[in-house]
Amino acid sequence: MDAPQGKGNQVNVTDRDVARTMQEYGGSFVRALGAAALAADPVNLKKLRDAFPDYWANYMKMAQQLSEVEKQASK
């Protein structure tokens, strides 16, 4: 579940980071998806990602942005 996500010079985030971002910033449905993703085994996590690619992409981008902000703030 913790395979890094990201391309090029983007900050790498894990599936766990994306799921936690969903739980923290999403509406009730997306928060539930985040919780399900955190509880899922790799097979079921893939099913969730495949079933909701738009949500996953949006929250992956948000997780990357948050990670970059945290990185800049720690300098």
C-alpha atoms as a PDB file:
ATOM      1  CA  MET A   1       0.000   0.000   0.000  1.00  0.00           C
ATOM      2  CA  ASP A   2       2.915   2.364   0.480  1.00  0.00           C
ATOM      3  CA  ALA A   3       4.246   2.443  -3.090  1.00  0.00           C
ATOM      4  CA  PRO A   4       5.308   6.021  -3.871  1.00  0.00           C
ATOM      5  CA  GLN A   5       3.164   7.908  -6.342  1.00  0.00           C
ATOM      6  CA  GLY A   6       4.274  10.826  -8.485  1.00  0.00           C
ATOM      7  CA  LYS A   7       6.064  11.665 -11.684  1.00  0.00           C
ATOM      8  CA  GLY A   8       9.010  13.808 -12.627  1.00  0.00           C
ATOM      9  CA  ASN A   9       9.936  16.385 -10.023  1.00  0.00           C
ATOM     10  CA  GLN A  10       6.680  15.987  -8.082  1.00  0.00           C
ATOM     11  CA  VAL A  11       6.897  15.034  -4.437  1.00  0.00           C
ATOM     12  CA  ASN A  12       6.393  11.304  -4.007  1.00  0.00           C
ATOM     13  CA  VAL A  13       3.462  10.371  -1.816  1.00  0.00           C
ATOM     14  CA  THR A  14       2.244   6.925  -0.837  1.00  0.00           C
ATOM     15  CA  ASP A  15      -1.207   5.415  -1.167  1.00  0.00           C
ATOM     16  CA  ARG A  16      -1.445   5.827   2.607  1.00  0.00           C
ATOM     17  CA  ASP A  17      -0.739   9.567   2.226  1.00  0.00           C
ATOM     18  CA  VAL A  18      -3.505   9.845  -0.370  1.00  0.00           C
ATOM     19  CA  ALA A  19      -5.966   7.935   1.827  1.00  0.00           C
ATOM     20  CA  ARG A  20      -5.148  10.114   4.840  1.00  0.00           C
ATOM     21  CA  THR A  21      -5.603  13.252   2.736  1.00  0.00           C
ATOM     22  CA  MET A  22      -8.997  11.915   1.645  1.00  0.00           C
ATOM     23  CA  GLN A  23      -9.961  11.367   5.275  1.00  0.00           C
ATOM     24  CA  GLU A  24      -8.831  14.797   6.366  1.00  0.00           C
ATOM     25  CA  TYR A  25     -10.057  16.981   3.502  1.00  0.00           C
ATOM     26  CA  GLY A  26     -12.813  15.040   1.742  1.00  0.00           C
ATOM     27  CA  GLY A  27     -16.542  15.117   2.158  1.00  0.00           C
ATOM     28  CA  SER A  28     -18.296  12.255   3.894  1.00  0.00           C
ATOM     29  CA  PHE A  29     -18.105   9.907   0.887  1.00  0.00           C
ATOM     30  CA  VAL A  30     -14.443  10.602   0.166  1.00  0.00           C
ATOM     31  CA  ARG A  31     -13.596  10.272   3.866  1.00  0.00           C
ATOM     32  CA  ALA A  32     -15.186   6.823   3.789  1.00  0.00           C
ATOM     33  CA  LEU A  33     -13.154   5.920   0.672  1.00  0.00           C
ATOM     34  CA  GLY A  34     -10.005   6.996   2.501  1.00  0.00           C
ATOM     35  CA  ALA A  35     -10.905   4.817   5.470  1.00  0.00           C
ATOM     36  CA  ALA A  36     -11.626   1.874   3.172  1.00  0.00           C
ATOM     37  CA  ALA A  37      -8.298   2.407   1.394  1.00  0.00           C
ATOM     38  CA  LEU A  38      -6.422   2.362   4.691  1.00  0.00           C
ATOM     39  CA  ALA A  39      -8.134  -0.899   5.667  1.00  0.00           C
ATOM     40  CA  ALA A  40      -7.765  -2.532   2.243  1.00  0.00           C
ATOM     41  CA  ASP A  41      -5.329  -5.225   1.244  1.00  0.00           C
ATOM     42  CA  PRO A  42      -3.426  -4.562  -2.022  1.00  0.00           C
ATOM     43  CA  VAL A  43      -6.042  -6.275  -4.201  1.00  0.00           C
ATOM     44  CA  ASN A  44      -8.943  -4.313  -2.747  1.00  0.00           C
ATOM     45  CA  LEU A  45      -6.947  -1.079  -2.755  1.00  0.00           C
ATOM     46  CA  LYS A  46      -6.456  -1.503  -6.508  1.00  0.00           C
ATOM     47  CA  LYS A  47     -10.200  -2.040  -6.879  1.00  0.00           C
ATOM     48  CA  LEU A  48     -10.884   1.219  -5.020  1.00  0.00           C
ATOM     49  CA  ARG A  49      -8.331   3.138  -7.067  1.00  0.00           C
ATOM     50  CA  ASP A  50      -9.715   1.691 -10.315  1.00  0.00           C
ATOM     51  CA  ALA A  51     -13.325   2.396  -9.321  1.00  0.00           C
ATOM     52  CA  PHE A  52     -12.684   6.029  -8.333  1.00  0.00           C
ATOM     53  CA  PRO A  53      -9.745   7.252 -10.458  1.00  0.00           C
ATOM     54  CA  ASP A  54     -10.845  10.897 -10.448  1.00  0.00           C
ATOM     55  CA  TYR A  55     -11.048  11.057  -6.668  1.00  0.00           C
ATOM     56  CA  TRP A  56      -7.725   9.253  -6.340  1.00  0.00           C
ATOM     57  CA  ALA A  57      -5.990  11.601  -8.806  1.00  0.00           C
ATOM     58  CA  ASN A  58      -7.400  14.725  -7.152  1.00  0.00           C
ATOM     59  CA  TYR A  59      -6.391  13.678  -3.653  1.00  0.00           C
ATOM     60  CA  MET A  60      -2.996  12.437  -4.836  1.00  0.00           C
ATOM     61  CA  LYS A  61      -2.347  15.910  -6.230  1.00  0.00           C
ATOM     62  CA  MET A  62      -3.524  17.457  -2.961  1.00  0.00           C
ATOM     63  CA  ALA A  63      -1.304  15.113  -0.931  1.00  0.00           C
ATOM     64  CA  GLN A  64       1.667  16.058  -3.123  1.00  0.00           C
ATOM     65  CA  GLN A  65       0.958  19.759  -2.661  1.00  0.00           C
ATOM     66  CA  LEU A  66       0.603  19.372   1.097  1.00  0.00           C
ATOM     67  CA  SER A  67       3.838  17.394   1.255  1.00  0.00           C
ATOM     68  CA  GLU A  68       5.640  20.111  -0.712  1.00  0.00           C
ATOM     69  CA  VAL A  69       4.283  22.826   1.596  1.00  0.00           C
ATOM     70  CA  GLU A  70       5.425  20.850   4.647  1.00  0.00           C
ATOM     71  CA  LYS A  71       8.843  20.358   3.059  1.00  0.00           C
ATOM     72  CA  GLN A  72       9.193  24.089   2.356  1.00  0.00           C
ATOM     73  CA  ALA A  73       8.003  24.993   5.856  1.00  0.00           C
ATOM     74  CA  SER A  74      10.607  22.748   7.462  1.00  0.00           C
ATOM     75  CA  LYS A  75      13.505  24.573   5.771  1.00  0.00           C
END
